[in-house]
């Protein structure tokens, strides 16, 4: 998700960190709390020089549990430990191959593709080696012959997105654990502490030490590398999300609304990383979670005030999507991703007063849209710096961006030499681009929905129009992208929620505004059963 980052001084954060960590060092949750598994370092070992250091908090110690020669081992230390990658030579080169059935920008679109393939009788799994991908299920299509037969079948049916990803490996990463100067070779390891707090820093960001509650587990993933997984209670996780997603200085009602949807979003999305044996990531592909470093009184009060509260529709958890800014109107689910619309995710004018009539001035009309995007006052986000934006790009830069995008997708149009023209073919009722035609020297192709943000660097949302620029030349120089908002624009606007809170709206009213027809309720046994929780 696109998020709001709030920067505070080191002293400010340190003060509140101490308060938050003190609260976390005791029992972190009731026996009713749900345990989550968050991938906090997702592909450890992809960089052969990567290192991770873990250490206890002051006065505490780490407990390490692993197997050595099929015998369980336990080590306890007060000193930092290091995990580092050691590249191990294989006795002979090994072929690793998967059949990729599609590359996608988001999990939502990958999941819809997976659903359609399963309906055709093809068994699949969703992966994220870098971009989201749908793979032919490895334990079903387990031989080169089966994979090639499936690929031929898909190509014969007109599916041009599938391809074989084949790698020949002469080395593979192993993890070396260094404890008190002694080295152990470990690919599975569980780390805990007496105070349920573990400090972690990586070689990529050695200056940034994060403190995670609960336990941390090292485990293999689907890509030949490893993941560090933080097992953490749901309510403690929500405490670690709020400071990074909406910031400690947001008004109370906005913080409470964010707490509810952060909790709901997490529970609704536990399936995302099933292929890697954990549930959620810790970055913008899920929700930003960096442990308890930035917790504050404000964010903790909002978490506690809404403890166990989730948002539902027809007794089911809602798809609690949200973004930084909408640009003045929220989007439907299908404006951005493929798949069925959610009744509670539909266009809502992001303003406290009715300054535009969406039913009579449909934003699918290009003239209406351009008129709307030139309005700046009266919206919840009017004072925010990305509410309206204009970015220019040359034809040469646009061409390079598209070539890179199309190469990743294995598209035949990746061979294009020059973009000759672009035009918006279709918009949704919320004004989002559904189809954008690109004319090139080798033909015309269409970008759909959120592909537009992946393929083109200037736009930070799909809520924009194109303005061709000549810059005094006889031929096309490039385009201005004139738009609004940042991110997908579906569901709650973090900026808009803060404005509504300042106007005196309650958190429940804010949630009803952005998710019409939903209900605020406690996470009960019926809801837990519906998402396969005990």
Protein backbone atom coordinates (compact mmCIF):
# COMPACT_ATOMS: atom_id res chain seq x y z
CA UNK A 1 0.00 0.00 0.00
CA UNK A 2 1.05 3.55 -0.55
CA UNK A 3 1.48 5.11 2.86
CA UNK A 4 2.18 8.25 4.78
CA UNK A 5 5.62 8.44 6.32
CA UNK A 6 5.94 10.70 9.33
CA UNK A 7 9.38 11.83 10.35
CA UNK A 8 10.04 12.74 13.94
CA UNK A 9 13.23 13.57 15.70
CA UNK A 10 15.34 10.79 17.17
CA UNK A 11 14.74 12.09 20.68
CA UNK A 12 10.97 12.11 20.16
CA UNK A 13 10.94 8.54 18.91
CA UNK A 14 13.31 7.33 21.59
CA UNK A 15 11.06 8.70 24.34
CA UNK A 16 8.03 6.91 22.98
CA UNK A 17 9.99 3.77 22.10
CA UNK A 18 10.95 3.38 25.74
CA UNK A 19 7.32 3.78 26.78
CA UNK A 20 6.15 1.28 24.18
CA UNK A 21 8.84 -1.30 24.82
CA UNK A 22 8.20 -1.20 28.54
CA UNK A 23 4.59 -2.05 27.84
CA UNK A 24 5.62 -4.84 25.50
CA UNK A 25 8.07 -6.50 27.86
CA UNK A 26 5.28 -7.94 29.98
CA UNK A 27 2.46 -10.14 28.73
CA UNK A 28 1.79 -8.78 25.25
CA UNK A 29 -1.70 -10.14 24.77
CA UNK A 30 -4.52 -12.10 26.26
CA UNK A 31 -4.93 -15.80 25.61
CA UNK A 32 -7.60 -14.87 23.03
CA UNK A 33 -5.14 -13.01 20.79
CA UNK A 34 -4.30 -14.38 17.35
CA UNK A 35 -0.68 -15.18 16.49
CA UNK A 36 0.57 -13.81 13.16
CA UNK A 37 3.63 -14.81 11.13
CA UNK A 38 5.23 -11.81 9.42
CA UNK A 39 8.12 -12.09 6.95
CA UNK A 40 10.38 -9.27 8.17
CA UNK A 41 13.42 -10.23 6.02
CA UNK A 42 11.89 -12.03 3.08
CA UNK A 43 14.68 -13.24 0.78
CA UNK A 44 17.76 -13.50 2.97
CA UNK A 45 20.58 -15.03 0.93
CA UNK A 46 19.68 -13.45 -2.41
CA UNK A 47 22.59 -11.10 -1.70
CA UNK A 48 25.61 -13.35 -0.92
CA UNK A 49 27.10 -10.64 1.31
CA UNK A 50 23.96 -10.05 3.37
CA UNK A 51 24.20 -10.24 7.16
CA UNK A 52 21.68 -9.94 9.94
CA UNK A 53 22.58 -9.21 13.54
CA UNK A 54 20.17 -10.07 16.35
CA UNK A 55 20.68 -9.05 19.94
CA UNK A 56 18.77 -8.96 23.23
CA UNK A 57 17.57 -5.78 24.88
CA UNK A 58 19.47 -4.52 27.91
CA UNK A 59 19.59 -7.09 30.70
CA UNK A 60 17.95 -9.78 28.57
CA UNK A 61 19.31 -12.83 26.73
CA UNK A 62 18.56 -14.72 23.54
CA UNK A 63 17.48 -18.34 23.44
CA UNK A 64 18.40 -20.18 20.22
CA UNK A 65 16.79 -23.50 19.32
CA UNK A 66 17.85 -25.64 16.34
CA UNK A 67 18.86 -29.16 15.40
CA UNK A 68 22.42 -30.39 15.07
CA UNK A 69 22.91 -33.87 13.70
CA UNK A 70 19.20 -34.61 14.19
CA UNK A 71 19.54 -33.68 17.86
CA UNK A 72 17.70 -30.64 19.30
CA UNK A 73 20.09 -27.97 20.54
CA UNK A 74 19.52 -24.94 22.79
CA UNK A 75 21.97 -22.06 23.20
CA UNK A 76 21.51 -19.08 25.51
CA UNK A 77 23.55 -15.91 25.16
CA UNK A 78 23.57 -12.30 26.30
CA UNK A 79 25.68 -11.32 23.29
CA UNK A 80 24.59 -10.40 19.76
CA UNK A 81 24.45 -13.21 17.21
CA UNK A 82 25.07 -12.94 13.46
CA UNK A 83 23.43 -14.69 10.54
CA UNK A 84 25.40 -14.52 7.32
CA UNK A 85 25.16 -16.13 3.91
CA UNK A 86 27.72 -18.71 2.84
CA UNK A 87 27.59 -19.80 -0.79
CA UNK A 88 27.96 -23.57 -0.94
CA UNK A 89 29.29 -25.25 -4.10
CA UNK A 90 27.02 -28.02 -5.35
CA UNK A 91 28.55 -31.41 -6.32
CA UNK A 92 27.14 -30.87 -9.80
CA UNK A 93 25.06 -28.17 -11.48
CA UNK A 94 21.37 -28.34 -10.58
CA UNK A 95 18.47 -27.30 -12.76
CA UNK A 96 15.72 -25.37 -10.95
CA UNK A 97 12.65 -24.69 -13.06
CA UNK A 98 9.15 -23.31 -12.55
CA UNK A 99 6.39 -22.67 -15.03
CA UNK A 100 5.31 -19.06 -14.58
CA UNK A 101 1.71 -18.54 -15.71
CA UNK A 102 1.73 -14.77 -15.25
CA UNK A 103 3.56 -11.76 -13.76
CA UNK A 104 1.58 -9.16 -11.83
CA UNK A 105 2.06 -5.91 -9.99
CA UNK A 106 -0.18 -6.83 -7.07
CA UNK A 107 -1.34 -9.86 -5.13
CA UNK A 108 -4.97 -9.01 -5.86
CA UNK A 109 -4.56 -9.36 -9.63
CA UNK A 110 -2.37 -12.45 -9.23
CA UNK A 111 -5.05 -14.05 -7.06
CA UNK A 112 -7.75 -13.37 -9.63
CA UNK A 113 -5.60 -14.99 -12.34
CA UNK A 114 -5.01 -17.98 -10.05
CA UNK A 115 -8.76 -18.31 -9.49
CA UNK A 116 -9.42 -18.34 -13.24
CA UNK A 117 -6.71 -20.94 -13.86
CA UNK A 118 -8.07 -23.20 -11.11
CA UNK A 119 -11.50 -22.96 -12.77
CA UNK A 120 -9.83 -24.45 -15.87
CA UNK A 121 -8.54 -27.38 -13.81
CA UNK A 122 -4.96 -26.10 -13.54
CA UNK A 123 -3.42 -26.33 -10.07
CA UNK A 124 -1.45 -23.21 -9.20
CA UNK A 125 0.25 -21.33 -6.37
CA UNK A 126 1.01 -17.65 -5.86
CA UNK A 127 4.64 -16.63 -5.38
CA UNK A 128 6.62 -13.42 -4.96
CA UNK A 129 10.27 -13.95 -5.92
CA UNK A 130 10.29 -10.22 -6.81
CA UNK A 131 7.05 -9.35 -8.62
CA UNK A 132 3.93 -11.34 -7.84
CA UNK A 133 3.67 -14.44 -10.00
CA UNK A 134 1.31 -17.38 -10.49
CA UNK A 135 3.18 -20.69 -10.79
CA UNK A 136 2.00 -24.07 -11.99
CA UNK A 137 1.97 -25.99 -8.72
CA UNK A 138 5.40 -27.52 -8.35
CA UNK A 139 4.42 -30.80 -6.68
CA UNK A 140 1.79 -31.43 -9.40
CA UNK A 141 3.78 -30.36 -12.47
CA UNK A 142 6.89 -31.96 -11.05
CA UNK A 143 8.73 -33.02 -14.21
CA UNK A 144 10.05 -31.10 -17.23
CA UNK A 145 7.66 -33.06 -19.48
CA UNK A 146 4.55 -32.12 -17.47
CA UNK A 147 5.57 -28.46 -17.38
CA UNK A 148 6.16 -28.34 -21.13
CA UNK A 149 2.91 -30.11 -21.93
CA UNK A 150 1.02 -27.57 -19.83
CA UNK A 151 2.91 -24.68 -21.47
CA UNK A 152 2.06 -26.01 -24.94
CA UNK A 153 -1.58 -26.40 -23.94
CA UNK A 154 -1.77 -22.81 -22.68
CA UNK A 155 -0.06 -21.41 -25.77
CA UNK A 156 -2.45 -23.37 -28.00
CA UNK A 157 -5.41 -21.83 -26.13
CA UNK A 158 -4.08 -18.32 -26.78
CA UNK A 159 -2.40 -17.64 -23.41
CA UNK A 160 0.80 -15.79 -24.26
CA UNK A 161 1.77 -14.89 -20.68
CA UNK A 162 3.16 -18.25 -19.58
CA UNK A 163 6.87 -19.07 -19.75
CA UNK A 164 9.44 -21.41 -18.25
CA UNK A 165 11.82 -19.85 -15.75
CA UNK A 166 14.84 -22.15 -15.84
CA UNK A 167 18.01 -21.63 -13.80
CA UNK A 168 21.15 -23.76 -13.66
CA UNK A 169 22.75 -23.45 -10.22
CA UNK A 170 26.32 -24.30 -9.31
CA UNK A 171 25.98 -22.81 -5.82
CA UNK A 172 23.27 -22.39 -3.24
CA UNK A 173 23.14 -20.14 -0.17
CA UNK A 174 23.48 -21.62 3.29
CA UNK A 175 23.09 -19.66 6.51
CA UNK A 176 25.91 -19.55 8.99
CA UNK A 177 25.00 -18.76 12.61
CA UNK A 178 27.76 -17.15 14.67
CA UNK A 179 27.32 -17.29 18.47
CA UNK A 180 30.08 -16.19 20.86
CA UNK A 181 32.67 -16.69 18.12
CA UNK A 182 31.52 -20.21 17.24
CA UNK A 183 29.99 -20.95 13.85
CA UNK A 184 27.02 -23.24 13.17
CA UNK A 185 25.47 -24.12 9.81
CA UNK A 186 21.73 -23.57 10.19
CA UNK A 187 18.80 -23.25 7.81
CA UNK A 188 16.12 -23.59 10.48
CA UNK A 189 16.40 -21.65 13.71
CA UNK A 190 14.05 -20.21 16.33
CA UNK A 191 15.09 -17.20 18.43
CA UNK A 192 13.28 -16.03 21.54
CA UNK A 193 14.05 -13.94 24.62
CA UNK A 194 12.85 -13.69 28.23
CA UNK A 195 11.32 -10.25 27.62
CA UNK A 196 9.77 -11.16 24.24
CA UNK A 197 11.87 -8.49 22.50
CA UNK A 198 14.62 -9.01 19.90
CA UNK A 199 16.70 -6.30 18.23
CA UNK A 200 17.53 -6.76 14.55
CA UNK A 201 19.74 -4.92 12.07
CA UNK A 202 20.77 -5.82 8.52
CA UNK A 203 23.91 -5.18 6.51
CA UNK A 204 21.78 -3.13 4.07
CA UNK A 205 20.69 -0.77 6.87
CA UNK A 206 23.18 -1.29 9.73
CA UNK A 207 22.33 2.12 11.22
CA UNK A 208 18.67 1.15 11.63
CA UNK A 209 18.11 -1.32 14.46
CA UNK A 210 14.51 -2.46 14.82
CA UNK A 211 13.04 -4.09 17.92
CA UNK A 212 10.56 -6.89 17.32
CA UNK A 213 8.21 -8.43 19.89
CA UNK A 214 7.61 -12.18 20.09
CA UNK A 215 9.92 -14.71 18.45
CA UNK A 216 11.90 -14.74 15.19
CA UNK A 217 12.30 -17.85 13.05
CA UNK A 218 14.73 -18.51 10.18
CA UNK A 219 13.25 -20.83 7.56
CA UNK A 220 13.71 -21.74 3.86
CA UNK A 221 11.38 -20.20 1.26
CA UNK A 222 10.28 -21.17 -2.26
CA UNK A 223 13.14 -19.34 -4.03
CA UNK A 224 16.19 -21.15 -2.67
CA UNK A 225 16.77 -18.41 -0.08
CA UNK A 226 15.49 -17.83 3.47
CA UNK A 227 12.98 -15.77 5.39
CA UNK A 228 13.16 -14.34 8.89
CA UNK A 229 9.63 -14.66 10.26
CA UNK A 230 8.38 -12.71 13.27
CA UNK A 231 5.70 -14.56 15.22
CA UNK A 232 3.74 -11.84 16.97
CA UNK A 233 0.28 -11.45 18.57
CA UNK A 234 -2.21 -9.55 16.42
CA UNK A 235 -2.75 -6.69 18.88
CA UNK A 236 1.00 -6.15 19.24
CA UNK A 237 1.36 -6.23 15.47
CA UNK A 238 -1.26 -3.46 15.14
CA UNK A 239 0.80 -1.36 17.56
CA UNK A 240 3.75 -1.78 15.20
CA UNK A 241 1.76 -0.84 12.08
CA UNK A 242 0.11 2.43 13.14
CA UNK A 243 3.24 4.61 13.51
CA UNK A 244 4.41 3.71 9.99
CA UNK A 245 1.07 3.71 8.17
CA UNK A 246 -0.58 6.91 9.42
CA UNK A 247 1.88 8.41 11.92
CA UNK A 248 1.71 9.23 15.65
CA UNK A 249 0.45 12.80 15.14
CA UNK A 250 -2.79 11.89 13.35
CA UNK A 251 -6.00 12.86 15.21
CA UNK A 252 -7.39 10.23 17.57
CA UNK A 253 -10.38 9.23 15.44
CA UNK A 254 -8.17 8.73 12.36
CA UNK A 255 -5.72 6.63 14.40
CA UNK A 256 -8.57 4.49 15.68
CA UNK A 257 -9.97 4.01 12.17
CA UNK A 258 -6.50 3.00 10.94
CA UNK A 259 -6.18 0.52 13.84
CA UNK A 260 -9.46 -1.16 12.88
CA UNK A 261 -8.60 -1.51 9.21
CA UNK A 262 -4.98 -2.57 9.93
CA UNK A 263 -6.35 -5.39 12.11
CA UNK A 264 -9.02 -6.30 9.55
CA UNK A 265 -6.60 -6.16 6.62
CA UNK A 266 -4.15 -8.48 8.38
CA UNK A 267 -6.78 -11.11 9.20
CA UNK A 268 -8.28 -10.95 5.71
CA UNK A 269 -4.87 -11.50 4.03
CA UNK A 270 -3.32 -14.39 5.95
CA UNK A 271 -3.08 -16.47 2.74
CA UNK A 272 -0.66 -14.22 0.86
CA UNK A 273 2.57 -16.12 1.52
CA UNK A 274 1.27 -19.68 1.91
CA UNK A 275 3.91 -20.84 -0.59
CA UNK A 276 6.63 -19.67 1.83
CA UNK A 277 4.93 -20.88 5.04
CA UNK A 278 4.17 -17.51 6.58
CA UNK A 279 1.28 -15.08 6.28
CA UNK A 280 2.16 -11.43 5.67
CA UNK A 281 5.09 -9.28 4.63
CA UNK A 282 6.27 -6.15 6.43
CA UNK A 283 6.35 -3.66 3.55
CA UNK A 284 3.94 -1.85 1.24
CA UNK A 285 2.90 -5.09 -0.50
CA UNK A 286 0.99 -5.73 2.75
CA UNK A 287 1.21 -3.13 5.53
CA UNK A 288 4.36 -1.45 6.82
CA UNK A 289 5.41 -3.08 10.09
CA UNK A 290 8.78 -2.42 11.70
CA UNK A 291 8.35 -3.74 15.19
CA UNK A 292 7.93 -1.46 18.18
CA UNK A 293 10.57 1.23 17.67
CA UNK A 294 8.13 4.02 16.85
CA UNK A 295 5.20 3.20 19.12
CA UNK A 296 3.84 6.20 21.00
CA UNK A 297 1.15 7.05 23.53
CA UNK A 298 -1.15 8.20 20.73
CA UNK A 299 -0.84 5.08 18.59
CA UNK A 300 -0.99 2.74 21.58
CA UNK A 301 -4.13 4.44 22.90
CA UNK A 302 -5.80 4.00 19.51
CA UNK A 303 -4.81 0.33 19.38
CA UNK A 304 -6.09 -0.28 22.92
CA UNK A 305 -9.33 1.66 22.36
CA UNK A 306 -10.19 -0.53 19.36
CA UNK A 307 -8.74 -3.81 20.68
CA UNK A 308 -10.28 -6.77 18.86
CA UNK A 309 -12.49 -4.54 16.68
CA UNK A 310 -12.78 -5.37 12.97
CA UNK A 311 -14.86 -4.19 10.03
CA UNK A 312 -17.37 -6.62 8.49
CA UNK A 313 -19.91 -6.86 5.69
CA UNK A 314 -22.58 -9.59 5.84
CA UNK A 315 -20.73 -11.22 8.75
CA UNK A 316 -17.48 -11.46 6.77
CA UNK A 317 -14.27 -9.47 7.18
CA UNK A 318 -14.07 -6.72 4.59
CA UNK A 319 -11.22 -6.30 2.16
CA UNK A 320 -9.90 -3.32 4.13
CA UNK A 321 -7.86 -1.65 1.40
CA UNK A 322 -6.62 1.89 1.92
CA UNK A 323 -4.20 4.38 0.40
CA UNK A 324 -2.42 7.63 1.12
CA UNK A 325 -4.66 9.90 -0.96
CA UNK A 326 -7.53 9.35 -3.39
CA UNK A 327 -7.32 12.56 -5.39
CA UNK A 328 -10.87 13.50 -4.47
CA UNK A 329 -12.87 10.31 -5.10
CA UNK A 330 -12.33 6.72 -3.99
CA UNK A 331 -12.14 3.89 -6.53
CA UNK A 332 -14.01 0.62 -6.88
CA UNK A 333 -11.99 -2.59 -6.47
CA UNK A 334 -12.37 -3.43 -10.18
CA UNK A 335 -11.11 0.02 -11.18
CA UNK A 336 -7.64 -1.14 -10.16
CA UNK A 337 -7.59 -4.96 -10.11
CA UNK A 338 -9.26 -7.85 -11.86
CA UNK A 339 -11.85 -9.73 -9.86
CA UNK A 340 -15.29 -9.30 -8.37
CA UNK A 341 -16.24 -5.91 -6.99
CA UNK A 342 -16.82 -5.50 -3.27
CA UNK A 343 -20.14 -3.71 -2.55
CA UNK A 344 -18.49 -1.58 0.14
CA UNK A 345 -15.60 -0.49 -2.10
CA UNK A 346 -17.24 1.94 -4.50
CA UNK A 347 -16.74 5.55 -5.64
CA UNK A 348 -17.19 8.00 -2.76
CA UNK A 349 -16.61 11.73 -3.15
CA UNK A 350 -13.74 12.40 -0.74
CA UNK A 351 -15.15 15.62 0.70
CA UNK A 352 -17.17 16.53 3.78
CA UNK A 353 -19.67 18.43 1.60
CA UNK A 354 -21.18 17.51 -1.76
CA UNK A 355 -19.12 19.68 -4.11
CA UNK A 356 -19.49 17.34 -7.11
CA UNK A 357 -22.36 15.05 -8.13
CA UNK A 358 -20.86 11.73 -9.26
CA UNK A 359 -24.22 10.42 -10.49
CA UNK A 360 -24.82 13.27 -12.94
CA UNK A 361 -21.18 14.20 -13.70
CA UNK A 362 -19.68 10.78 -14.36
CA UNK A 363 -15.88 10.79 -14.27
CA UNK A 364 -15.76 8.11 -16.97
CA UNK A 365 -16.35 11.04 -19.34
CA UNK A 366 -13.00 12.59 -20.29
CA UNK A 367 -14.36 16.15 -20.28
CA UNK A 368 -15.88 15.71 -16.82
CA UNK A 369 -12.68 14.12 -15.55
CA UNK A 370 -10.45 16.96 -16.71
CA UNK A 371 -12.84 19.48 -15.16
CA UNK A 372 -12.79 17.54 -11.89
CA UNK A 373 -9.00 17.21 -11.76
CA UNK A 374 -8.68 20.98 -12.07
CA UNK A 375 -10.73 21.51 -8.90
CA UNK A 376 -8.53 21.96 -5.85
CA UNK A 377 -10.59 23.35 -2.98
CA UNK A 378 -13.21 21.81 -0.71
CA UNK A 379 -11.85 18.24 -0.63
CA UNK A 380 -10.61 16.34 2.42
CA UNK A 381 -7.14 16.22 0.87
CA UNK A 382 -6.96 19.74 -0.58
CA UNK A 383 -4.03 20.80 1.59
CA UNK A 384 -1.96 17.69 0.89
CA UNK A 385 0.95 18.08 -1.52
CA UNK A 386 0.07 15.09 -3.74
CA UNK A 387 -3.64 15.86 -3.94
CA UNK A 388 -2.90 17.41 -7.35
CA UNK A 389 0.26 16.91 -9.38
CA UNK A 390 1.72 17.43 -12.86
CA UNK A 391 4.72 15.49 -14.15
CA UNK A 392 6.37 15.74 -17.56
CA UNK A 393 8.32 13.03 -19.37
CA UNK A 394 10.05 12.84 -22.74
CA UNK A 395 9.14 10.26 -25.38
CA UNK A 396 12.61 8.77 -24.91
CA UNK A 397 12.09 8.25 -21.16
CA UNK A 398 8.58 6.89 -21.68
CA UNK A 399 9.97 4.44 -24.24
CA UNK A 400 12.66 3.24 -21.83
CA UNK A 401 10.12 2.75 -19.03
CA UNK A 402 7.85 0.71 -21.28
CA UNK A 403 10.70 -1.41 -22.66
CA UNK A 404 11.74 -2.34 -19.14
CA UNK A 405 8.18 -3.17 -18.08
CA UNK A 406 7.48 -5.25 -21.20
CA UNK A 407 10.75 -7.16 -20.88
CA UNK A 408 9.77 -8.29 -17.38
CA UNK A 409 6.40 -9.44 -18.74
CA UNK A 410 8.11 -11.29 -21.62
CA UNK A 411 5.95 -9.30 -24.05
CA UNK A 412 6.78 -9.28 -27.79
CA UNK A 413 6.29 -5.50 -27.68
CA UNK A 414 9.47 -5.26 -25.56
CA UNK A 415 11.28 -4.94 -28.90
CA UNK A 416 9.73 -1.53 -29.57
CA UNK A 417 12.15 1.26 -30.52
CA UNK A 418 9.92 4.28 -30.07
CA UNK A 419 6.57 5.30 -28.60
CA UNK A 420 4.66 7.34 -31.16
CA UNK A 421 1.50 8.23 -29.21
CA UNK A 422 -0.55 7.40 -26.11
CA UNK A 423 -4.24 7.89 -25.36
CA UNK A 424 -6.77 7.05 -22.66
CA UNK A 425 -9.26 4.59 -24.17
CA UNK A 426 -11.50 3.94 -21.18
CA UNK A 427 -12.06 5.28 -17.66
CA UNK A 428 -14.09 3.94 -14.75
CA UNK A 429 -16.88 5.87 -13.04
CA UNK A 430 -14.32 7.00 -10.44
CA UNK A 431 -12.10 8.40 -13.21
CA UNK A 432 -9.40 5.72 -13.00
CA UNK A 433 -7.79 4.66 -16.26
CA UNK A 434 -9.00 1.20 -17.29
CA UNK A 435 -7.30 1.11 -20.71
CA UNK A 436 -4.42 3.17 -22.06
CA UNK A 437 -3.42 2.62 -25.70
CA UNK A 438 0.25 2.90 -26.65
CA UNK A 439 1.14 3.26 -30.33
CA UNK A 440 4.70 2.21 -31.19
CA UNK A 441 6.87 1.59 -34.24
CA UNK A 442 5.93 -2.14 -34.11
CA UNK A 443 2.24 -1.85 -33.34
CA UNK A 444 -0.27 -0.74 -30.73
CA UNK A 445 -0.85 -2.43 -27.37
CA UNK A 446 -3.00 -1.64 -24.35
CA UNK A 447 -2.09 -1.18 -20.70
CA UNK A 448 -4.86 -2.16 -18.31
CA UNK A 449 -5.70 -0.68 -14.91
CA UNK A 450 -2.82 -0.79 -12.41
CA UNK A 451 -0.39 -1.88 -15.15
CA UNK A 452 -0.24 1.81 -16.03
CA UNK A 453 1.57 2.62 -12.77
CA UNK A 454 3.96 -0.27 -13.29
CA UNK A 455 4.79 0.64 -16.86
CA UNK A 456 5.12 4.42 -16.58
CA UNK A 457 7.27 6.20 -14.02
CA UNK A 458 5.65 9.68 -13.81
CA UNK A 459 2.10 8.84 -12.63
CA UNK A 460 1.76 7.97 -8.94
CA UNK A 461 -1.86 6.91 -9.46
CA UNK A 462 -4.12 5.99 -12.39
CA UNK A 463 -6.15 9.14 -11.71
CA UNK A 464 -4.69 11.38 -14.44
CA UNK A 465 -5.05 12.63 -18.00
CA UNK A 466 -2.43 13.02 -20.74
CA UNK A 467 -1.40 16.29 -22.31
CA UNK A 468 0.84 15.98 -25.41
CA UNK A 469 3.78 18.40 -25.47
CA UNK A 470 5.78 19.70 -28.42
CA UNK A 471 8.02 22.19 -26.59
CA UNK A 472 8.40 24.22 -29.80
CA UNK A 473 9.38 21.19 -31.88
CA UNK A 474 7.70 19.91 -35.03
CA UNK A 475 7.30 16.45 -33.53
CA UNK A 476 6.01 15.14 -30.22
CA UNK A 477 8.43 15.93 -27.37
CA UNK A 478 6.60 13.99 -24.68
CA UNK A 479 3.61 14.11 -22.34
CA UNK A 480 2.47 15.87 -19.22
CA UNK A 481 0.71 13.57 -16.75
CA UNK A 482 -1.87 15.71 -14.91
CA UNK A 483 -3.44 13.92 -12.00
CA UNK A 484 -4.28 13.55 -8.37
CA UNK A 485 -3.77 11.25 -5.40
CA UNK A 486 -1.10 8.69 -4.64
CA UNK A 487 -1.70 4.95 -4.70
CA UNK A 488 -4.64 2.87 -5.79
CA UNK A 489 -7.29 5.08 -4.17
CA UNK A 490 -9.49 2.18 -3.01
CA UNK A 491 -11.11 2.42 0.42
CA UNK A 492 -9.98 4.78 3.16
CA UNK A 493 -7.81 7.77 2.40
CA UNK A 494 -5.32 8.24 5.24
CA UNK A 495 -5.13 11.97 4.49
CA UNK A 496 -8.87 12.32 4.14
CA UNK A 497 -9.52 10.43 7.38
CA UNK A 498 -7.34 12.90 9.25
CA UNK A 499 -9.29 15.85 7.87
CA UNK A 500 -12.62 14.27 8.84
CA UNK A 501 -11.28 13.58 12.33
CA UNK A 502 -10.31 17.25 12.65
CA UNK A 503 -13.89 18.13 11.71
CA UNK A 504 -15.08 16.09 14.69
CA UNK A 505 -16.06 12.85 12.97
CA UNK A 506 -15.80 9.66 15.07
CA UNK A 507 -13.74 6.69 13.90
CA UNK A 508 -16.93 4.69 13.26
CA UNK A 509 -18.37 7.47 11.10
CA UNK A 510 -15.10 7.73 9.14
CA UNK A 511 -15.16 3.97 8.49
CA UNK A 512 -18.80 4.11 7.36
CA UNK A 513 -17.93 6.98 5.01
CA UNK A 514 -15.12 5.11 3.22
CA UNK A 515 -16.65 1.61 3.48
CA UNK A 516 -20.44 2.16 3.06
CA UNK A 517 -22.71 -0.51 4.51
CA UNK A 518 -20.09 -2.10 6.75
CA UNK A 519 -20.32 -2.89 10.44
CA UNK A 520 -17.82 -2.36 13.26
CA UNK A 521 -17.72 -5.41 15.54
CA UNK A 522 -15.56 -7.55 17.82
CA UNK A 523 -13.56 -10.42 16.38
CA UNK A 524 -15.67 -13.34 17.60
CA UNK A 525 -15.47 -17.11 17.20
CA UNK A 526 -17.70 -17.06 14.12
CA UNK A 527 -15.35 -14.67 12.32
CA UNK A 528 -12.29 -16.66 13.43
CA UNK A 529 -13.85 -19.83 12.04
CA UNK A 530 -14.61 -18.09 8.73
CA UNK A 531 -10.89 -17.33 8.25
CA UNK A 532 -9.71 -20.72 9.57
CA UNK A 533 -8.51 -19.42 12.93
CA UNK A 534 -9.02 -21.42 16.10
